[in-house]
């Protein structure tokens, strides 16, 4: 992606501003992440423009250490996953081989449901349970976030088990999406959510519990 990457970087720099960079830095979870300072709308537009690049080229974006380049990378994966005839196995493999680089909440929320969850709709979900048991908080958030697409398909069994594993997770950024998963489960199976909350509700963070209960309102 040599020349294309240079063009992409130039486009990002041309659209950057220090005001936007300060906003982005304020929400970073790792101070080592480099920030150019580009609005997300522009980042997503560039990802659409470059979505035809091979998956092997996305690897370089994800390994770049630059927030906006990495967001372009995960957005390309997401746009590819939405496309008719998507190479779901290839997209899943690209995510997994770059797992160490997908290390902020918004990278995960941007693409995990379609890239991971969609691929696993008709496959065993062992990988999600392995991620949910990881010591790495981003792996755990990936597991529960990927489950959103499985819940959307009407399958709540494995997502409920993932919520069981993560109900007392100490990490706020995991708990937030456990709450979202439970809310979506409740919209499909209210009784299952009520049983879960009766058994494990006290283990959830107040934020997750509050989010989950909105499905019962």
C-alpha atoms as a PDB file:
ATOM      1  CA  UNK A   1       0.000   0.000   0.000  1.00  0.00           C
ATOM      2  CA  UNK A   2       3.069   2.214  -0.260  1.00  0.00           C
ATOM      3  CA  UNK A   3       1.782   5.004  -2.513  1.00  0.00           C
ATOM      4  CA  UNK A   4      -1.811   4.583  -1.315  1.00  0.00           C
ATOM      5  CA  UNK A   5      -0.713   4.809   2.299  1.00  0.00           C
ATOM      6  CA  UNK A   6       1.253   7.990   1.581  1.00  0.00           C
ATOM      7  CA  UNK A   7      -1.842   9.474  -0.071  1.00  0.00           C
ATOM      8  CA  UNK A   8      -4.005   8.394   2.859  1.00  0.00           C
ATOM      9  CA  UNK A   9      -1.631   9.917   5.414  1.00  0.00           C
ATOM     10  CA  UNK A  10      -1.466  13.135   3.401  1.00  0.00           C
ATOM     11  CA  UNK A  11      -5.272  13.299   3.271  1.00  0.00           C
ATOM     12  CA  UNK A  12      -5.505  12.806   7.028  1.00  0.00           C
ATOM     13  CA  UNK A  13      -2.906  15.463   7.720  1.00  0.00           C
ATOM     14  CA  UNK A  14      -4.658  17.894   5.365  1.00  0.00           C
ATOM     15  CA  UNK A  15      -7.891  17.393   7.311  1.00  0.00           C
ATOM     16  CA  UNK A  16      -6.287  17.615  10.755  1.00  0.00           C
ATOM     17  CA  UNK A  17      -6.550  20.280  13.396  1.00  0.00           C
ATOM     18  CA  UNK A  18      -5.045  20.692  16.835  1.00  0.00           C
ATOM     19  CA  UNK A  19      -8.485  21.375  18.293  1.00  0.00           C
ATOM     20  CA  UNK A  20      -9.686  17.979  17.076  1.00  0.00           C
ATOM     21  CA  UNK A  21      -6.442  16.347  18.229  1.00  0.00           C
ATOM     22  CA  UNK A  22      -7.034  17.621  21.767  1.00  0.00           C
ATOM     23  CA  UNK A  23     -10.576  16.207  21.750  1.00  0.00           C
ATOM     24  CA  UNK A  24      -9.334  12.805  20.615  1.00  0.00           C
ATOM     25  CA  UNK A  25      -6.441  12.701  23.083  1.00  0.00           C
ATOM     26  CA  UNK A  26      -8.910  13.370  25.904  1.00  0.00           C
ATOM     27  CA  UNK A  27     -10.654  10.043  25.220  1.00  0.00           C
ATOM     28  CA  UNK A  28      -7.549   7.948  24.580  1.00  0.00           C
ATOM     29  CA  UNK A  29      -6.933   5.082  26.992  1.00  0.00           C
ATOM     30  CA  UNK A  30      -3.238   4.868  26.084  1.00  0.00           C
ATOM     31  CA  UNK A  31      -1.159   8.024  26.148  1.00  0.00           C
ATOM     32  CA  UNK A  32       1.327   6.395  23.738  1.00  0.00           C
ATOM     33  CA  UNK A  33      -1.209   6.435  20.897  1.00  0.00           C
ATOM     34  CA  UNK A  34      -0.265   9.007  18.277  1.00  0.00           C
ATOM     35  CA  UNK A  35      -3.075  11.332  17.218  1.00  0.00           C
ATOM     36  CA  UNK A  36      -3.242  13.372  14.021  1.00  0.00           C
ATOM     37  CA  UNK A  37      -6.494  15.178  14.858  1.00  0.00           C
ATOM     38  CA  UNK A  38      -9.114  14.269  12.240  1.00  0.00           C
ATOM     39  CA  UNK A  39     -12.897  14.197  12.638  1.00  0.00           C
ATOM     40  CA  UNK A  40     -14.411  10.708  12.529  1.00  0.00           C
ATOM     41  CA  UNK A  41     -16.649  11.567   9.590  1.00  0.00           C
ATOM     42  CA  UNK A  42     -13.557  12.249   7.494  1.00  0.00           C
ATOM     43  CA  UNK A  43     -11.846   9.089   8.760  1.00  0.00           C
ATOM     44  CA  UNK A  44     -14.870   6.990   7.773  1.00  0.00           C
ATOM     45  CA  UNK A  45     -15.072   8.650   4.347  1.00  0.00           C
ATOM     46  CA  UNK A  46     -11.440   7.759   3.720  1.00  0.00           C
ATOM     47  CA  UNK A  47     -12.059   4.187   4.855  1.00  0.00           C
ATOM     48  CA  UNK A  48     -14.853   3.899   2.266  1.00  0.00           C
ATOM     49  CA  UNK A  49     -12.511   5.282  -0.358  1.00  0.00           C
ATOM     50  CA  UNK A  50      -9.855   2.680   0.479  1.00  0.00           C
ATOM     51  CA  UNK A  51     -12.112  -0.264   1.346  1.00  0.00           C
ATOM     52  CA  UNK A  52     -10.992  -2.245  -1.713  1.00  0.00           C
ATOM     53  CA  UNK A  53      -7.408  -2.558  -0.454  1.00  0.00           C
ATOM     54  CA  UNK A  54      -6.315  -6.145   0.296  1.00  0.00           C
ATOM     55  CA  UNK A  55      -6.619  -7.344   3.876  1.00  0.00           C
ATOM     56  CA  UNK A  56      -2.855  -7.738   4.078  1.00  0.00           C
ATOM     57  CA  UNK A  57      -2.559  -3.982   3.566  1.00  0.00           C
ATOM     58  CA  UNK A  58      -4.944  -3.341   6.450  1.00  0.00           C
ATOM     59  CA  UNK A  59      -2.384  -5.041   8.702  1.00  0.00           C
ATOM     60  CA  UNK A  60      -0.014  -2.122   8.207  1.00  0.00           C
ATOM     61  CA  UNK A  61      -2.672   0.411   9.132  1.00  0.00           C
ATOM     62  CA  UNK A  62      -3.508  -1.435  12.340  1.00  0.00           C
ATOM     63  CA  UNK A  63       0.160  -1.755  13.278  1.00  0.00           C
ATOM     64  CA  UNK A  64       0.884   1.932  12.583  1.00  0.00           C
ATOM     65  CA  UNK A  65       0.451   3.208  16.135  1.00  0.00           C
ATOM     66  CA  UNK A  66      -1.515   6.200  14.797  1.00  0.00           C
ATOM     67  CA  UNK A  67      -5.089   6.489  16.038  1.00  0.00           C
ATOM     68  CA  UNK A  68      -6.678   7.685  12.799  1.00  0.00           C
ATOM     69  CA  UNK A  69      -4.793   5.188  10.603  1.00  0.00           C
ATOM     70  CA  UNK A  70      -5.863   2.372  12.899  1.00  0.00           C
ATOM     71  CA  UNK A  71      -9.448   3.625  12.804  1.00  0.00           C
ATOM     72  CA  UNK A  72      -9.296   3.642   9.020  1.00  0.00           C
ATOM     73  CA  UNK A  73      -8.076   0.046   9.254  1.00  0.00           C
ATOM     74  CA  UNK A  74     -10.888  -1.225  11.477  1.00  0.00           C
ATOM     75  CA  UNK A  75     -13.419   0.785   9.447  1.00  0.00           C
ATOM     76  CA  UNK A  76     -12.201  -0.880   6.245  1.00  0.00           C
ATOM     77  CA  UNK A  77     -12.777  -4.241   7.934  1.00  0.00           C
ATOM     78  CA  UNK A  78     -16.288  -3.132   8.900  1.00  0.00           C
ATOM     79  CA  UNK A  79     -17.154  -1.849   5.425  1.00  0.00           C
ATOM     80  CA  UNK A  80     -15.842  -5.047   3.866  1.00  0.00           C
ATOM     81  CA  UNK A  81     -17.968  -7.075   6.301  1.00  0.00           C
ATOM     82  CA  UNK A  82     -21.098  -5.190   5.182  1.00  0.00           C
ATOM     83  CA  UNK A  83     -20.463  -5.922   1.503  1.00  0.00           C
ATOM     84  CA  UNK A  84     -22.338  -8.631  -0.364  1.00  0.00           C
ATOM     85  CA  UNK A  85     -20.236 -11.777  -0.667  1.00  0.00           C
ATOM     86  CA  UNK A  86     -17.835 -10.637   2.064  1.00  0.00           C
ATOM     87  CA  UNK A  87     -14.858 -12.886   2.807  1.00  0.00           C
ATOM     88  CA  UNK A  88     -15.935 -13.427   6.408  1.00  0.00           C
ATOM     89  CA  UNK A  89     -13.200 -15.937   7.187  1.00  0.00           C
ATOM     90  CA  UNK A  90     -10.560 -13.578   5.824  1.00  0.00           C
ATOM     91  CA  UNK A  91     -11.940 -10.648   7.812  1.00  0.00           C
ATOM     92  CA  UNK A  92     -12.047 -12.715  10.992  1.00  0.00           C
ATOM     93  CA  UNK A  93      -8.460 -13.857  10.437  1.00  0.00           C
ATOM     94  CA  UNK A  94      -7.324 -10.275   9.823  1.00  0.00           C
ATOM     95  CA  UNK A  95      -8.838  -9.194  13.135  1.00  0.00           C
ATOM     96  CA  UNK A  96      -7.340 -12.069  15.079  1.00  0.00           C
ATOM     97  CA  UNK A  97      -3.823 -11.661  13.706  1.00  0.00           C
ATOM     98  CA  UNK A  98      -3.962  -7.962  14.625  1.00  0.00           C
ATOM     99  CA  UNK A  99      -5.613  -8.476  18.003  1.00  0.00           C
ATOM    100  CA  UNK A 100      -2.781  -6.804  19.904  1.00  0.00           C
ATOM    101  CA  UNK A 101      -3.275  -3.570  17.915  1.00  0.00           C
ATOM    102  CA  UNK A 102      -7.041  -3.300  18.402  1.00  0.00           C
ATOM    103  CA  UNK A 103      -6.646  -1.614  21.726  1.00  0.00           C
ATOM    104  CA  UNK A 104      -9.244   1.079  22.296  1.00  0.00           C
ATOM    105  CA  UNK A 105     -12.961   0.784  22.974  1.00  0.00           C
ATOM    106  CA  UNK A 106     -13.971   2.578  19.793  1.00  0.00           C
ATOM    107  CA  UNK A 107     -11.940   0.340  17.465  1.00  0.00           C
ATOM    108  CA  UNK A 108     -13.788  -2.613  18.985  1.00  0.00           C
ATOM    109  CA  UNK A 109     -17.228  -1.032  18.851  1.00  0.00           C
ATOM    110  CA  UNK A 110     -16.646   0.083  15.265  1.00  0.00           C
ATOM    111  CA  UNK A 111     -16.151  -3.365  13.784  1.00  0.00           C
ATOM    112  CA  UNK A 112     -16.259  -6.341  16.173  1.00  0.00           C
ATOM    113  CA  UNK A 113     -19.999  -7.074  15.770  1.00  0.00           C
ATOM    114  CA  UNK A 114     -19.849  -7.517  11.992  1.00  0.00           C
ATOM    115  CA  UNK A 115     -16.272  -8.747  11.599  1.00  0.00           C
ATOM    116  CA  UNK A 116     -16.257 -11.249  14.482  1.00  0.00           C
ATOM    117  CA  UNK A 117     -19.893 -11.786  15.426  1.00  0.00           C
ATOM    118  CA  UNK A 118     -21.205 -12.194  11.888  1.00  0.00           C
ATOM    119  CA  UNK A 119     -18.522 -14.765  11.058  1.00  0.00           C
ATOM    120  CA  UNK A 120     -19.432 -16.776  14.143  1.00  0.00           C
ATOM    121  CA  UNK A 121     -23.192 -16.865  13.559  1.00  0.00           C
ATOM    122  CA  UNK A 122     -23.053 -20.447  12.291  1.00  0.00           C
ATOM    123  CA  UNK A 123     -19.801 -21.534  13.939  1.00  0.00           C
ATOM    124  CA  UNK A 124     -18.645 -22.567  17.413  1.00  0.00           C
ATOM    125  CA  UNK A 125     -17.963 -19.549  19.641  1.00  0.00           C
ATOM    126  CA  UNK A 126     -15.001 -20.974  21.567  1.00  0.00           C
ATOM    127  CA  UNK A 127     -12.870 -18.002  20.530  1.00  0.00           C
ATOM    128  CA  UNK A 128     -15.287 -15.613  22.260  1.00  0.00           C
ATOM    129  CA  UNK A 129     -15.077 -17.543  25.507  1.00  0.00           C
ATOM    130  CA  UNK A 130     -11.276 -17.598  25.276  1.00  0.00           C
ATOM    131  CA  UNK A 131     -11.260 -13.826  24.743  1.00  0.00           C
ATOM    132  CA  UNK A 132     -13.716 -13.345  27.617  1.00  0.00           C
ATOM    133  CA  UNK A 133     -11.290 -15.177  29.935  1.00  0.00           C
ATOM    134  CA  UNK A 134      -8.284 -13.117  28.823  1.00  0.00           C
ATOM    135  CA  UNK A 135      -6.404 -10.865  31.222  1.00  0.00           C
ATOM    136  CA  UNK A 136      -6.485  -8.196  28.492  1.00  0.00           C
ATOM    137  CA  UNK A 137      -9.488  -5.897  28.910  1.00  0.00           C
ATOM    138  CA  UNK A 138      -9.716  -5.217  25.177  1.00  0.00           C
ATOM    139  CA  UNK A 139      -9.990  -8.922  24.458  1.00  0.00           C
ATOM    140  CA  UNK A 140     -12.823  -9.183  26.962  1.00  0.00           C
ATOM    141  CA  UNK A 141     -14.602  -6.156  25.482  1.00  0.00           C
ATOM    142  CA  UNK A 142     -14.161  -7.690  22.024  1.00  0.00           C
ATOM    143  CA  UNK A 143     -15.832 -10.911  23.177  1.00  0.00           C
ATOM    144  CA  UNK A 144     -18.983  -9.257  24.490  1.00  0.00           C
ATOM    145  CA  UNK A 145     -19.147  -6.682  21.691  1.00  0.00           C
ATOM    146  CA  UNK A 146     -18.871  -9.326  18.978  1.00  0.00           C
ATOM    147  CA  UNK A 147     -21.832 -11.038  20.645  1.00  0.00           C
ATOM    148  CA  UNK A 148     -24.064  -8.087  19.710  1.00  0.00           C
ATOM    149  CA  UNK A 149     -24.423  -9.487  16.181  1.00  0.00           C
ATOM    150  CA  UNK A 150     -25.215 -12.941  17.514  1.00  0.00           C
ATOM    151  CA  UNK A 151     -27.928 -11.468  19.737  1.00  0.00           C
ATOM    152  CA  UNK A 152     -29.272  -9.546  16.762  1.00  0.00           C
ATOM    153  CA  UNK A 153     -29.747 -12.875  14.968  1.00  0.00           C
ATOM    154  CA  UNK A 154     -32.022 -14.007  17.817  1.00  0.00           C
ATOM    155  CA  UNK A 155     -29.495 -16.337  19.457  1.00  0.00           C
ATOM    156  CA  UNK A 156     -29.057 -15.405  23.124  1.00  0.00           C
ATOM    157  CA  UNK A 157     -27.638 -18.601  24.641  1.00  0.00           C
ATOM    158  CA  UNK A 158     -23.905 -18.016  24.157  1.00  0.00           C
ATOM    159  CA  UNK A 159     -24.222 -14.259  24.761  1.00  0.00           C
ATOM    160  CA  UNK A 160     -25.865 -14.994  28.111  1.00  0.00           C
ATOM    161  CA  UNK A 161     -22.976 -17.300  29.006  1.00  0.00           C
ATOM    162  CA  UNK A 162     -20.532 -14.548  28.091  1.00  0.00           C
ATOM    163  CA  UNK A 163     -22.444 -12.173  30.338  1.00  0.00           C
ATOM    164  CA  UNK A 164     -22.174 -14.755  33.117  1.00  0.00           C
ATOM    165  CA  UNK A 165     -18.400 -14.821  32.681  1.00  0.00           C
ATOM    166  CA  UNK A 166     -18.106 -11.041  32.642  1.00  0.00           C
ATOM    167  CA  UNK A 167     -20.811 -10.054  35.154  1.00  0.00           C
ATOM    168  CA  UNK A 168     -18.290  -9.143  37.839  1.00  0.00           C
ATOM    169  CA  UNK A 169     -15.581  -7.873  35.499  1.00  0.00           C
ATOM    170  CA  UNK A 170     -13.641  -5.086  37.263  1.00  0.00           C
ATOM    171  CA  UNK A 171     -13.118  -3.074  34.075  1.00  0.00           C
ATOM    172  CA  UNK A 172     -15.665  -0.326  33.401  1.00  0.00           C
ATOM    173  CA  UNK A 173     -15.109  -0.520  29.650  1.00  0.00           C
ATOM    174  CA  UNK A 174     -16.071  -4.189  29.721  1.00  0.00           C
ATOM    175  CA  UNK A 175     -19.040  -3.659  32.026  1.00  0.00           C
ATOM    176  CA  UNK A 176     -20.558  -0.998  29.769  1.00  0.00           C
ATOM    177  CA  UNK A 177     -20.939  -3.443  26.902  1.00  0.00           C
ATOM    178  CA  UNK A 178     -22.092  -6.266  29.164  1.00  0.00           C
ATOM    179  CA  UNK A 179     -24.957  -3.933  30.018  1.00  0.00           C
ATOM    180  CA  UNK A 180     -25.663  -3.288  26.338  1.00  0.00           C
ATOM    181  CA  UNK A 181     -25.597  -7.026  25.574  1.00  0.00           C
ATOM    182  CA  UNK A 182     -28.052  -7.721  28.387  1.00  0.00           C
ATOM    183  CA  UNK A 183     -30.357  -4.935  27.232  1.00  0.00           C
ATOM    184  CA  UNK A 184     -30.452  -6.398  23.727  1.00  0.00           C
ATOM    185  CA  UNK A 185     -31.002  -9.900  25.123  1.00  0.00           C
ATOM    186  CA  UNK A 186     -33.916  -8.526  27.137  1.00  0.00           C
ATOM    187  CA  UNK A 187     -35.529  -7.121  24.015  1.00  0.00           C
ATOM    188  CA  UNK A 188     -35.586 -10.655  22.597  1.00  0.00           C
ATOM    189  CA  UNK A 189     -36.167 -12.684  25.758  1.00  0.00           C
ATOM    190  CA  UNK A 190     -37.416 -10.626  28.687  1.00  0.00           C
ATOM    191  CA  UNK A 191     -37.687 -13.665  30.971  1.00  0.00           C
ATOM    192  CA  UNK A 192     -34.045 -14.622  30.342  1.00  0.00           C
ATOM    193  CA  UNK A 193     -32.923 -11.114  31.272  1.00  0.00           C
ATOM    194  CA  UNK A 194     -35.028 -11.111  34.432  1.00  0.00           C
ATOM    195  CA  UNK A 195     -33.581 -14.475  35.485  1.00  0.00           C
ATOM    196  CA  UNK A 196     -30.066 -13.194  34.842  1.00  0.00           C
ATOM    197  CA  UNK A 197     -30.598 -10.017  36.827  1.00  0.00           C
ATOM    198  CA  UNK A 198     -32.136 -11.942  39.719  1.00  0.00           C
ATOM    199  CA  UNK A 199     -29.128 -14.254  39.831  1.00  0.00           C
ATOM    200  CA  UNK A 200     -26.247 -11.927  38.906  1.00  0.00           C
ATOM    201  CA  UNK A 201     -27.587  -8.396  38.933  1.00  0.00           C
ATOM    202  CA  UNK A 202     -25.709  -7.483  42.099  1.00  0.00           C
ATOM    203  CA  UNK A 203     -22.437  -8.507  40.460  1.00  0.00           C
ATOM    204  CA  UNK A 204     -22.859  -6.016  37.618  1.00  0.00           C
ATOM    205  CA  UNK A 205     -21.638  -2.462  37.835  1.00  0.00           C
ATOM    206  CA  UNK A 206     -24.390   0.051  38.493  1.00  0.00           C
ATOM    207  CA  UNK A 207     -23.925   1.354  34.947  1.00  0.00           C
ATOM    208  CA  UNK A 208     -24.325  -2.097  33.375  1.00  0.00           C
ATOM    209  CA  UNK A 209     -27.299  -2.948  35.573  1.00  0.00           C
ATOM    210  CA  UNK A 210     -29.014   0.336  34.720  1.00  0.00           C
ATOM    211  CA  UNK A 211     -28.449  -0.207  30.995  1.00  0.00           C
ATOM    212  CA  UNK A 212     -29.738  -3.788  31.130  1.00  0.00           C
ATOM    213  CA  UNK A 213     -32.889  -2.760  32.993  1.00  0.00           C
ATOM    214  CA  UNK A 214     -33.942  -0.356  30.258  1.00  0.00           C
ATOM    215  CA  UNK A 215     -35.191  -3.429  28.361  1.00  0.00           C
ATOM    216  CA  UNK A 216     -37.661  -4.051  31.191  1.00  0.00           C
ATOM    217  CA  UNK A 217     -39.126  -0.555  31.289  1.00  0.00           C
END
